[in-house]
Amino acid sequence: MRRNFTLPELEHKLDEFKGGTLVQISRQDYERLFGLNDAALGRVRNFARSHRCTASFADTTVLFRKHVAAAGPQIEPLGE
């Protein structure tokens, strides 16, 4: 993504992608969008979950990976 994008732009990008797609943002953009305090990690995890993604952290980047939708019907566990 380009530098200095907005949170709504990131949301739109994540919503339009298909399962397994990666979006990489810089650590600087992560800090600008989600902050540096103790609650930042919780904010990014909730953000990722709400867009059906998983966030992974590296030294200089944060990766959002879109969840892959399950193929076929869901299997329900048997009751006891």
N, C-alpha and C. Protein backbone atom coordinates (compact mmCIF):
# COMPACT_ATOMS: atom_id res chain seq x y z
N MET A 1 0.84 -1.18 0.00
CA MET A 1 0.00 0.00 0.00
C MET A 1 0.88 1.24 0.00
N ARG A 2 0.33 2.31 -0.48
CA ARG A 2 1.07 3.57 -0.50
C ARG A 2 1.26 4.08 0.92
N ARG A 3 2.15 5.00 1.12
CA ARG A 3 2.40 5.59 2.43
C ARG A 3 1.26 6.54 2.82
N ASN A 4 1.06 6.67 4.12
CA ASN A 4 0.09 7.61 4.69
C ASN A 4 -1.35 7.37 4.23
N PHE A 5 -1.71 6.12 4.03
CA PHE A 5 -3.10 5.79 3.72
C PHE A 5 -3.91 5.91 5.00
N THR A 6 -5.23 5.91 4.87
CA THR A 6 -6.11 6.04 6.02
C THR A 6 -6.65 4.68 6.45
N LEU A 7 -7.18 4.62 7.64
CA LEU A 7 -7.77 3.38 8.14
C LEU A 7 -8.95 2.93 7.27
N PRO A 8 -9.84 3.83 6.83
CA PRO A 8 -10.90 3.39 5.91
C PRO A 8 -10.36 2.80 4.60
N GLU A 9 -9.24 3.32 4.11
CA GLU A 9 -8.65 2.75 2.89
C GLU A 9 -8.14 1.33 3.15
N LEU A 10 -7.52 1.10 4.30
CA LEU A 10 -7.07 -0.24 4.65
C LEU A 10 -8.26 -1.18 4.81
N GLU A 11 -9.32 -0.72 5.45
CA GLU A 11 -10.53 -1.53 5.60
C GLU A 11 -11.10 -1.93 4.25
N HIS A 12 -11.20 -0.98 3.35
CA HIS A 12 -11.73 -1.26 2.02
C HIS A 12 -10.86 -2.29 1.29
N LYS A 13 -9.56 -2.13 1.38
CA LYS A 13 -8.63 -3.04 0.72
C LYS A 13 -8.82 -4.47 1.25
N LEU A 14 -8.90 -4.61 2.58
CA LEU A 14 -9.06 -5.93 3.18
C LEU A 14 -10.40 -6.56 2.84
N ASP A 15 -11.45 -5.75 2.77
CA ASP A 15 -12.78 -6.28 2.48
C ASP A 15 -12.90 -6.78 1.04
N GLU A 16 -12.16 -6.20 0.11
CA GLU A 16 -12.31 -6.60 -1.29
C GLU A 16 -11.45 -7.81 -1.67
N PHE A 17 -10.49 -8.19 -0.83
CA PHE A 17 -9.59 -9.29 -1.16
C PHE A 17 -10.22 -10.65 -0.92
N LYS A 18 -9.71 -11.64 -1.66
CA LYS A 18 -10.15 -13.03 -1.52
C LYS A 18 -9.28 -13.73 -0.48
N GLY A 19 -9.73 -14.92 -0.07
CA GLY A 19 -9.03 -15.69 0.94
C GLY A 19 -7.58 -15.97 0.59
N GLY A 20 -6.71 -15.85 1.59
CA GLY A 20 -5.30 -16.13 1.43
C GLY A 20 -4.46 -14.94 0.98
N THR A 21 -5.11 -13.86 0.58
CA THR A 21 -4.39 -12.67 0.11
C THR A 21 -3.69 -11.99 1.28
N LEU A 22 -2.50 -11.45 1.02
CA LEU A 22 -1.73 -10.73 2.02
C LEU A 22 -1.72 -9.23 1.74
N VAL A 23 -1.83 -8.45 2.80
CA VAL A 23 -1.65 -7.01 2.73
C VAL A 23 -0.54 -6.67 3.71
N GLN A 24 0.48 -6.00 3.24
CA GLN A 24 1.61 -5.64 4.08
C GLN A 24 1.62 -4.14 4.32
N ILE A 25 1.76 -3.76 5.59
CA ILE A 25 1.91 -2.34 5.92
C ILE A 25 3.18 -2.17 6.73
N SER A 26 3.76 -0.99 6.68
CA SER A 26 4.99 -0.74 7.42
C SER A 26 4.69 -0.61 8.91
N ARG A 27 5.70 -0.82 9.71
CA ARG A 27 5.58 -0.67 11.16
C ARG A 27 5.20 0.78 11.50
N GLN A 28 5.72 1.74 10.73
CA GLN A 28 5.37 3.15 10.95
C GLN A 28 3.89 3.40 10.73
N ASP A 29 3.33 2.81 9.65
CA ASP A 29 1.91 2.97 9.39
C ASP A 29 1.08 2.27 10.47
N TYR A 30 1.52 1.11 10.93
CA TYR A 30 0.85 0.41 12.02
C TYR A 30 0.78 1.31 13.25
N GLU A 31 1.91 1.90 13.62
CA GLU A 31 1.96 2.76 14.80
C GLU A 31 1.09 4.00 14.62
N ARG A 32 1.06 4.55 13.41
CA ARG A 32 0.26 5.74 13.13
C ARG A 32 -1.24 5.42 13.23
N LEU A 33 -1.65 4.25 12.73
CA LEU A 33 -3.06 3.88 12.70
C LEU A 33 -3.57 3.32 14.02
N PHE A 34 -2.75 2.51 14.70
CA PHE A 34 -3.23 1.78 15.87
C PHE A 34 -2.61 2.25 17.19
N GLY A 35 -1.55 3.03 17.11
CA GLY A 35 -0.94 3.58 18.31
C GLY A 35 0.23 2.75 18.81
N LEU A 36 0.79 3.22 19.93
CA LEU A 36 1.96 2.57 20.53
C LEU A 36 1.70 2.10 21.95
N ASN A 37 0.53 2.34 22.48
CA ASN A 37 0.28 2.01 23.88
C ASN A 37 -0.07 0.52 24.05
N ASP A 38 -0.37 0.15 25.28
CA ASP A 38 -0.65 -1.25 25.60
C ASP A 38 -1.89 -1.80 24.88
N ALA A 39 -2.81 -0.94 24.51
CA ALA A 39 -4.05 -1.38 23.86
C ALA A 39 -3.92 -1.55 22.35
N ALA A 40 -2.80 -1.14 21.76
CA ALA A 40 -2.63 -1.19 20.30
C ALA A 40 -2.74 -2.61 19.76
N LEU A 41 -2.13 -3.57 20.44
CA LEU A 41 -2.18 -4.96 19.96
C LEU A 41 -3.61 -5.47 19.96
N GLY A 42 -4.38 -5.16 20.99
CA GLY A 42 -5.78 -5.56 21.02
C GLY A 42 -6.59 -4.91 19.93
N ARG A 43 -6.31 -3.63 19.66
CA ARG A 43 -7.01 -2.92 18.58
C ARG A 43 -6.74 -3.56 17.23
N VAL A 44 -5.48 -3.89 16.95
CA VAL A 44 -5.16 -4.47 15.64
C VAL A 44 -5.74 -5.88 15.52
N ARG A 45 -5.75 -6.64 16.59
CA ARG A 45 -6.34 -7.99 16.54
C ARG A 45 -7.85 -7.92 16.30
N ASN A 46 -8.52 -7.01 16.99
CA ASN A 46 -9.96 -6.84 16.76
C ASN A 46 -10.25 -6.35 15.35
N PHE A 47 -9.44 -5.42 14.87
CA PHE A 47 -9.57 -4.92 13.51
C PHE A 47 -9.43 -6.06 12.51
N ALA A 48 -8.38 -6.86 12.67
CA ALA A 48 -8.13 -7.98 11.75
C ALA A 48 -9.29 -8.97 11.80
N ARG A 49 -9.73 -9.33 12.98
CA ARG A 49 -10.82 -10.29 13.13
C ARG A 49 -12.09 -9.78 12.46
N SER A 50 -12.38 -8.49 12.60
CA SER A 50 -13.60 -7.93 12.02
C SER A 50 -13.56 -7.93 10.49
N HIS A 51 -12.36 -8.03 9.92
CA HIS A 51 -12.23 -8.09 8.46
C HIS A 51 -11.82 -9.47 7.99
N ARG A 52 -12.04 -10.47 8.87
CA ARG A 52 -11.76 -11.87 8.56
C ARG A 52 -10.31 -12.06 8.12
N CYS A 53 -9.39 -11.52 8.93
CA CYS A 53 -7.96 -11.60 8.67
C CYS A 53 -7.22 -12.01 9.94
N THR A 54 -5.96 -12.35 9.75
CA THR A 54 -5.04 -12.57 10.85
C THR A 54 -3.88 -11.61 10.67
N ALA A 55 -3.46 -10.96 11.77
CA ALA A 55 -2.33 -10.04 11.71
C ALA A 55 -1.08 -10.76 12.19
N SER A 56 0.02 -10.61 11.46
CA SER A 56 1.32 -11.18 11.82
C SER A 56 2.33 -10.05 11.86
N PHE A 57 3.20 -10.09 12.86
CA PHE A 57 4.15 -9.00 13.06
C PHE A 57 5.57 -9.46 12.74
N ALA A 58 6.30 -8.59 12.04
CA ALA A 58 7.73 -8.78 11.77
C ALA A 58 8.43 -7.52 12.28
N ASP A 59 9.74 -7.47 12.14
CA ASP A 59 10.49 -6.32 12.64
C ASP A 59 10.03 -4.99 12.05
N THR A 60 9.83 -4.95 10.75
CA THR A 60 9.54 -3.68 10.10
C THR A 60 8.17 -3.63 9.42
N THR A 61 7.41 -4.72 9.46
CA THR A 61 6.12 -4.76 8.78
C THR A 61 5.07 -5.49 9.60
N VAL A 62 3.84 -5.28 9.23
CA VAL A 62 2.70 -6.04 9.75
C VAL A 62 1.98 -6.60 8.54
N LEU A 63 1.69 -7.90 8.56
CA LEU A 63 0.99 -8.56 7.47
C LEU A 63 -0.41 -8.92 7.91
N PHE A 64 -1.38 -8.63 7.05
CA PHE A 64 -2.75 -9.08 7.25
C PHE A 64 -3.01 -10.16 6.21
N ARG A 65 -3.40 -11.34 6.67
CA ARG A 65 -3.73 -12.44 5.75
C ARG A 65 -5.23 -12.70 5.85
N LYS A 66 -5.90 -12.63 4.70
CA LYS A 66 -7.34 -12.86 4.63
C LYS A 66 -7.61 -14.35 4.86
N HIS A 67 -8.58 -14.67 5.74
CA HIS A 67 -8.94 -16.06 6.00
C HIS A 67 -9.49 -16.72 4.74
N VAL A 68 -9.20 -17.98 4.59
CA VAL A 68 -9.72 -18.76 3.47
C VAL A 68 -11.05 -19.35 3.91
N ALA A 69 -12.08 -19.14 3.11
CA ALA A 69 -13.40 -19.67 3.43
C ALA A 69 -13.41 -21.17 3.28
N ALA A 70 -14.09 -21.84 4.19
CA ALA A 70 -14.21 -23.29 4.13
C ALA A 70 -15.07 -23.69 2.92
N ALA A 71 -14.63 -24.73 2.22
CA ALA A 71 -15.39 -25.23 1.08
C ALA A 71 -16.38 -26.27 1.56
N GLY A 72 -17.58 -26.23 1.03
CA GLY A 72 -18.58 -27.22 1.38
C GLY A 72 -19.30 -26.90 2.68
N PRO A 73 -20.19 -27.80 3.09
CA PRO A 73 -20.98 -27.54 4.29
C PRO A 73 -20.14 -27.64 5.56
N GLN A 74 -20.55 -26.88 6.56
CA GLN A 74 -19.90 -26.94 7.87
C GLN A 74 -20.33 -28.22 8.58
N ILE A 75 -19.43 -28.85 9.30
CA ILE A 75 -19.74 -30.07 10.04
C ILE A 75 -20.00 -29.69 11.49
N GLU A 76 -21.16 -30.03 11.98
CA GLU A 76 -21.55 -29.73 13.35
C GLU A 76 -21.08 -30.86 14.27
N PRO A 77 -20.53 -30.54 15.45
CA PRO A 77 -20.14 -31.61 16.38
C PRO A 77 -21.38 -32.28 16.95
N LEU A 78 -21.24 -33.57 17.25
CA LEU A 78 -22.36 -34.32 17.82
C LEU A 78 -22.56 -33.94 19.27
N GLY A 79 -23.80 -33.83 19.70
CA GLY A 79 -24.11 -33.54 21.10
C GLY A 79 -23.87 -34.76 21.96
N GLU A 80 -23.72 -34.53 23.24
CA GLU A 80 -23.49 -35.66 24.15
C GLU A 80 -24.79 -36.22 24.68
